[in-house]
Amino acid sequence: MSRVSMFNSPLLLGFDQLERTLDRLAKNAEGYPPYNIERIGENGLRIVLAVAGFTTGDLAIELVESQLTVRGKQSEDADRVYLHRGIAARQFQRAFMLADGIEVTGARLDNGLLSIDLVRPTAEPRIRTIRIDSGKTTAGAVNTVDITARRTQTR
């Protein structure tokens, strides 16, 4: 069975990478550990994961290109003897796709909550002027397009 993509429209050119990213995130949609995403100030974000029972040594945070991955694995304590074990020491992996330009500024573990702080740089609007060549060229000559980028002043 083939899947119909929402990006098949001829008006959405070059969004195939976005479609692959959405597919990858959908495969990573497990609900553990629960998390919040908070807005901090005008350009800040914070991801807060509930990781009760994990220590800083049990957690790893990795940023590869634009994918932020948080992994957790608790080590088994062989000296403990459980009469009842209702709190599972399960491992997890949670991934977040970050937009271009978002930077991770830090992480901390406090009272079973892992907070990862992010900052989104302010975007400067750009105006691009594209020169249009006439269709009259000599045989064998290649048309070139001159693209000039100007940054607008915003205050």
C-alpha atoms as a PDB file:
ATOM      1  CA  MET A   1       0.000   0.000   0.000  1.00  0.00           C
ATOM      2  CA  SER A   2       1.466   3.356  -0.935  1.00  0.00           C
ATOM      3  CA  ARG A   3       1.206   6.359   1.314  1.00  0.00           C
ATOM      4  CA  VAL A   4      -0.041   9.672  -0.012  1.00  0.00           C
ATOM      5  CA  SER A   5       2.297  12.473   1.017  1.00  0.00           C
ATOM      6  CA  MET A   6       1.066  15.904   1.968  1.00  0.00           C
ATOM      7  CA  PHE A   7       4.193  17.266   0.270  1.00  0.00           C
ATOM      8  CA  ASN A   8       3.243  16.034  -3.233  1.00  0.00           C
ATOM      9  CA  SER A   9       1.889  19.435  -4.205  1.00  0.00           C
ATOM     10  CA  PRO A  10       3.837  21.186  -6.981  1.00  0.00           C
ATOM     11  CA  LEU A  11       3.738  24.319  -4.797  1.00  0.00           C
ATOM     12  CA  LEU A  12       5.871  22.646  -2.087  1.00  0.00           C
ATOM     13  CA  LEU A  13       9.180  22.093  -3.833  1.00  0.00           C
ATOM     14  CA  GLY A  14      12.185  20.930  -1.854  1.00  0.00           C
ATOM     15  CA  PHE A  15      10.319  19.803   1.270  1.00  0.00           C
ATOM     16  CA  ASP A  16      11.312  16.133   0.940  1.00  0.00           C
ATOM     17  CA  GLN A  17      13.841  16.488   3.793  1.00  0.00           C
ATOM     18  CA  LEU A  18      11.068  17.826   6.037  1.00  0.00           C
ATOM     19  CA  GLU A  19       8.894  14.855   5.139  1.00  0.00           C
ATOM     20  CA  ARG A  20      11.693  12.426   6.062  1.00  0.00           C
ATOM     21  CA  THR A  21      12.174  14.263   9.368  1.00  0.00           C
ATOM     22  CA  LEU A  22       8.455  13.994  10.181  1.00  0.00           C
ATOM     23  CA  ASP A  23       8.517  10.274   9.384  1.00  0.00           C
ATOM     24  CA  ARG A  24      11.525   9.775  11.678  1.00  0.00           C
ATOM     25  CA  LEU A  25       9.818  11.654  14.521  1.00  0.00           C
ATOM     26  CA  ALA A  26       6.609   9.650  14.121  1.00  0.00           C
ATOM     27  CA  LYS A  27       8.603   6.442  14.645  1.00  0.00           C
ATOM     28  CA  ASN A  28      10.030   7.919  17.877  1.00  0.00           C
ATOM     29  CA  ALA A  29       6.637   8.787  19.370  1.00  0.00           C
ATOM     30  CA  GLU A  30       6.857   6.595  22.496  1.00  0.00           C
ATOM     31  CA  GLY A  31       5.340   8.329  25.516  1.00  0.00           C
ATOM     32  CA  TYR A  32       8.185   7.749  27.995  1.00  0.00           C
ATOM     33  CA  PRO A  33       9.497   9.812  29.605  1.00  0.00           C
ATOM     34  CA  PRO A  34       6.834  12.517  29.681  1.00  0.00           C
ATOM     35  CA  TYR A  35       8.061  16.010  28.860  1.00  0.00           C
ATOM     36  CA  ASN A  36       7.067  19.667  28.662  1.00  0.00           C
ATOM     37  CA  ILE A  37       8.297  22.374  26.326  1.00  0.00           C
ATOM     38  CA  GLU A  38       8.251  25.848  27.857  1.00  0.00           C
ATOM     39  CA  ARG A  39       8.840  29.308  26.450  1.00  0.00           C
ATOM     40  CA  ILE A  40      11.499  31.137  28.451  1.00  0.00           C
ATOM     41  CA  GLY A  41      11.624  34.832  27.634  1.00  0.00           C
ATOM     42  CA  GLU A  42      11.337  36.088  24.089  1.00  0.00           C
ATOM     43  CA  ASN A  43      13.821  33.754  22.343  1.00  0.00           C
ATOM     44  CA  GLY A  44      14.292  30.931  24.826  1.00  0.00           C
ATOM     45  CA  LEU A  45      12.839  27.447  25.063  1.00  0.00           C
ATOM     46  CA  ARG A  46      13.185  24.780  27.731  1.00  0.00           C
ATOM     47  CA  ILE A  47      12.549  21.050  27.375  1.00  0.00           C
ATOM     48  CA  VAL A  48      11.755  19.447  30.744  1.00  0.00           C
ATOM     49  CA  LEU A  49      11.748  15.638  30.985  1.00  0.00           C
ATOM     50  CA  ALA A  50      10.466  13.720  34.011  1.00  0.00           C
ATOM     51  CA  VAL A  51      13.329  11.327  34.788  1.00  0.00           C
ATOM     52  CA  ALA A  52      12.708  10.375  38.415  1.00  0.00           C
ATOM     53  CA  GLY A  53      15.266   7.890  39.722  1.00  0.00           C
ATOM     54  CA  PHE A  54      17.923   8.765  37.133  1.00  0.00           C
ATOM     55  CA  THR A  55      21.219  10.372  38.106  1.00  0.00           C
ATOM     56  CA  THR A  56      23.410  12.554  35.906  1.00  0.00           C
ATOM     57  CA  GLY A  57      25.566   9.491  35.243  1.00  0.00           C
ATOM     58  CA  ASP A  58      22.534   7.583  33.943  1.00  0.00           C
ATOM     59  CA  LEU A  59      21.658  10.270  31.359  1.00  0.00           C
ATOM     60  CA  ALA A  60      23.278  11.351  28.102  1.00  0.00           C
ATOM     61  CA  ILE A  61      22.353  14.287  25.864  1.00  0.00           C
ATOM     62  CA  GLU A  62      23.654  14.383  22.309  1.00  0.00           C
ATOM     63  CA  LEU A  63      23.148  16.888  19.490  1.00  0.00           C
ATOM     64  CA  VAL A  64      23.837  15.573  15.994  1.00  0.00           C
ATOM     65  CA  GLU A  65      23.144  18.132  13.283  1.00  0.00           C
ATOM     66  CA  SER A  66      19.621  19.256  14.203  1.00  0.00           C
ATOM     67  CA  GLN A  67      18.508  16.228  16.222  1.00  0.00           C
ATOM     68  CA  LEU A  68      18.716  16.460  20.015  1.00  0.00           C
ATOM     69  CA  THR A  69      18.684  13.007  21.618  1.00  0.00           C
ATOM     70  CA  VAL A  70      18.293  12.277  25.324  1.00  0.00           C
ATOM     71  CA  ARG A  71      19.113   8.758  26.502  1.00  0.00           C
ATOM     72  CA  GLY A  72      18.676   7.238  29.933  1.00  0.00           C
ATOM     73  CA  LYS A  73      19.810   3.905  31.306  1.00  0.00           C
ATOM     74  CA  GLN A  74      19.797   3.052  34.985  1.00  0.00           C
ATOM     75  CA  SER A  75      22.365   0.596  36.242  1.00  0.00           C
ATOM     76  CA  GLU A  76      21.139  -2.382  38.224  1.00  0.00           C
ATOM     77  CA  ASP A  77      22.197  -2.491  41.866  1.00  0.00           C
ATOM     78  CA  ALA A  78      23.040  -6.134  42.567  1.00  0.00           C
ATOM     79  CA  ASP A  79      23.033  -5.523  46.346  1.00  0.00           C
ATOM     80  CA  ARG A  80      19.334  -4.637  46.442  1.00  0.00           C
ATOM     81  CA  VAL A  81      16.811  -7.351  47.146  1.00  0.00           C
ATOM     82  CA  TYR A  82      13.267  -6.385  46.155  1.00  0.00           C
ATOM     83  CA  LEU A  83      10.217  -7.814  47.891  1.00  0.00           C
ATOM     84  CA  HIS A  84       8.084  -5.897  45.403  1.00  0.00           C
ATOM     85  CA  ARG A  85       9.343  -3.954  42.396  1.00  0.00           C
ATOM     86  CA  GLY A  86       6.790  -1.493  41.103  1.00  0.00           C
ATOM     87  CA  ILE A  87       9.270   1.141  39.912  1.00  0.00           C
ATOM     88  CA  ALA A  88      10.854  -0.136  36.739  1.00  0.00           C
ATOM     89  CA  ALA A  89      14.411   0.813  35.870  1.00  0.00           C
ATOM     90  CA  ARG A  90      13.720   1.101  32.179  1.00  0.00           C
ATOM     91  CA  GLN A  91      15.917   2.734  29.611  1.00  0.00           C
ATOM     92  CA  PHE A  92      14.665   5.324  27.171  1.00  0.00           C
ATOM     93  CA  GLN A  93      15.620   7.402  24.177  1.00  0.00           C
ATOM     94  CA  ARG A  94      13.745  10.598  23.310  1.00  0.00           C
ATOM     95  CA  ALA A  95      14.603  12.670  20.221  1.00  0.00           C
ATOM     96  CA  PHE A  96      13.695  16.251  19.334  1.00  0.00           C
ATOM     97  CA  MET A  97      14.252  17.856  15.933  1.00  0.00           C
ATOM     98  CA  LEU A  98      15.489  21.421  16.316  1.00  0.00           C
ATOM     99  CA  ALA A  99      14.959  24.143  13.740  1.00  0.00           C
ATOM    100  CA  ASP A 100      18.008  25.625  12.037  1.00  0.00           C
ATOM    101  CA  GLY A 101      19.864  28.034  14.262  1.00  0.00           C
ATOM    102  CA  ILE A 102      18.502  26.824  17.613  1.00  0.00           C
ATOM    103  CA  GLU A 103      21.340  26.329  20.073  1.00  0.00           C
ATOM    104  CA  VAL A 104      21.498  24.258  23.262  1.00  0.00           C
ATOM    105  CA  THR A 105      22.762  26.504  26.066  1.00  0.00           C
ATOM    106  CA  GLY A 106      22.775  24.048  28.970  1.00  0.00           C
ATOM    107  CA  ALA A 107      21.135  21.239  30.905  1.00  0.00           C
ATOM    108  CA  ARG A 108      20.539  20.486  34.574  1.00  0.00           C
ATOM    109  CA  LEU A 109      18.972  17.728  36.657  1.00  0.00           C
ATOM    110  CA  ASP A 110      16.968  18.879  39.665  1.00  0.00           C
ATOM    111  CA  ASN A 111      14.415  16.882  41.715  1.00  0.00           C
ATOM    112  CA  GLY A 112      13.896  14.277  38.998  1.00  0.00           C
ATOM    113  CA  LEU A 113      13.405  16.837  36.217  1.00  0.00           C
ATOM    114  CA  LEU A 114      15.957  17.163  33.426  1.00  0.00           C
ATOM    115  CA  SER A 115      15.825  20.677  31.960  1.00  0.00           C
ATOM    116  CA  ILE A 116      17.493  21.449  28.624  1.00  0.00           C
ATOM    117  CA  ASP A 117      17.689  25.146  27.743  1.00  0.00           C
ATOM    118  CA  LEU A 118      17.608  26.288  24.134  1.00  0.00           C
ATOM    119  CA  VAL A 119      17.873  29.693  22.513  1.00  0.00           C
ATOM    120  CA  ARG A 120      16.444  30.731  19.184  1.00  0.00           C
ATOM    121  CA  PRO A 121      18.450  33.520  17.527  1.00  0.00           C
ATOM    122  CA  THR A 122      16.483  36.469  16.230  1.00  0.00           C
ATOM    123  CA  ALA A 123      15.834  36.168  12.528  1.00  0.00           C
ATOM    124  CA  GLU A 124      16.745  39.107  10.369  1.00  0.00           C
ATOM    125  CA  PRO A 125      14.396  39.583   7.426  1.00  0.00           C
ATOM    126  CA  ARG A 126      16.128  39.421   4.071  1.00  0.00           C
ATOM    127  CA  ILE A 127      15.145  40.829   0.724  1.00  0.00           C
ATOM    128  CA  ARG A 128      16.607  39.082  -2.286  1.00  0.00           C
ATOM    129  CA  THR A 129      16.719  40.656  -5.710  1.00  0.00           C
ATOM    130  CA  ILE A 130      17.152  38.242  -8.597  1.00  0.00           C
ATOM    131  CA  ARG A 131      18.368  39.614 -11.919  1.00  0.00           C
ATOM    132  CA  ILE A 132      16.506  38.298 -14.943  1.00  0.00           C
ATOM    133  CA  ASP A 133      18.512  37.793 -18.127  1.00  0.00           C
ATOM    134  CA  SER A 134      16.885  38.171 -21.510  1.00  0.00           C
ATOM    135  CA  GLY A 135      16.221  35.059 -23.552  1.00  0.00           C
ATOM    136  CA  LYS A 136      18.613  36.220 -26.294  1.00  0.00           C
ATOM    137  CA  THR A 137      21.876  34.349 -25.968  1.00  0.00           C
ATOM    138  CA  THR A 138      24.504  33.246 -28.394  1.00  0.00           C
ATOM    139  CA  ALA A 139      24.650  29.582 -29.355  1.00  0.00           C
ATOM    140  CA  GLY A 140      26.379  27.546 -26.660  1.00  0.00           C
ATOM    141  CA  ALA A 141      26.357  30.356 -24.089  1.00  0.00           C
ATOM    142  CA  VAL A 142      24.946  29.668 -20.637  1.00  0.00           C
ATOM    143  CA  ASN A 143      22.635  32.122 -18.876  1.00  0.00           C
ATOM    144  CA  THR A 144      23.639  33.034 -15.354  1.00  0.00           C
ATOM    145  CA  VAL A 145      21.425  34.369 -12.600  1.00  0.00           C
ATOM    146  CA  ASP A 146      22.809  37.045 -10.290  1.00  0.00           C
ATOM    147  CA  ILE A 147      21.365  36.729  -6.801  1.00  0.00           C
ATOM    148  CA  THR A 148      21.961  39.646  -4.468  1.00  0.00           C
ATOM    149  CA  ALA A 149      20.950  39.515  -0.815  1.00  0.00           C
ATOM    150  CA  ARG A 150      20.220  42.669   1.148  1.00  0.00           C
ATOM    151  CA  ARG A 151      19.444  42.789   4.835  1.00  0.00           C
ATOM    152  CA  THR A 152      16.759  45.219   5.837  1.00  0.00           C
ATOM    153  CA  GLN A 153      17.173  47.476   8.842  1.00  0.00           C
ATOM    154  CA  THR A 154      14.651  46.640  11.552  1.00  0.00           C
ATOM    155  CA  ARG A 155      14.364  48.563  14.787  1.00  0.00           C
END
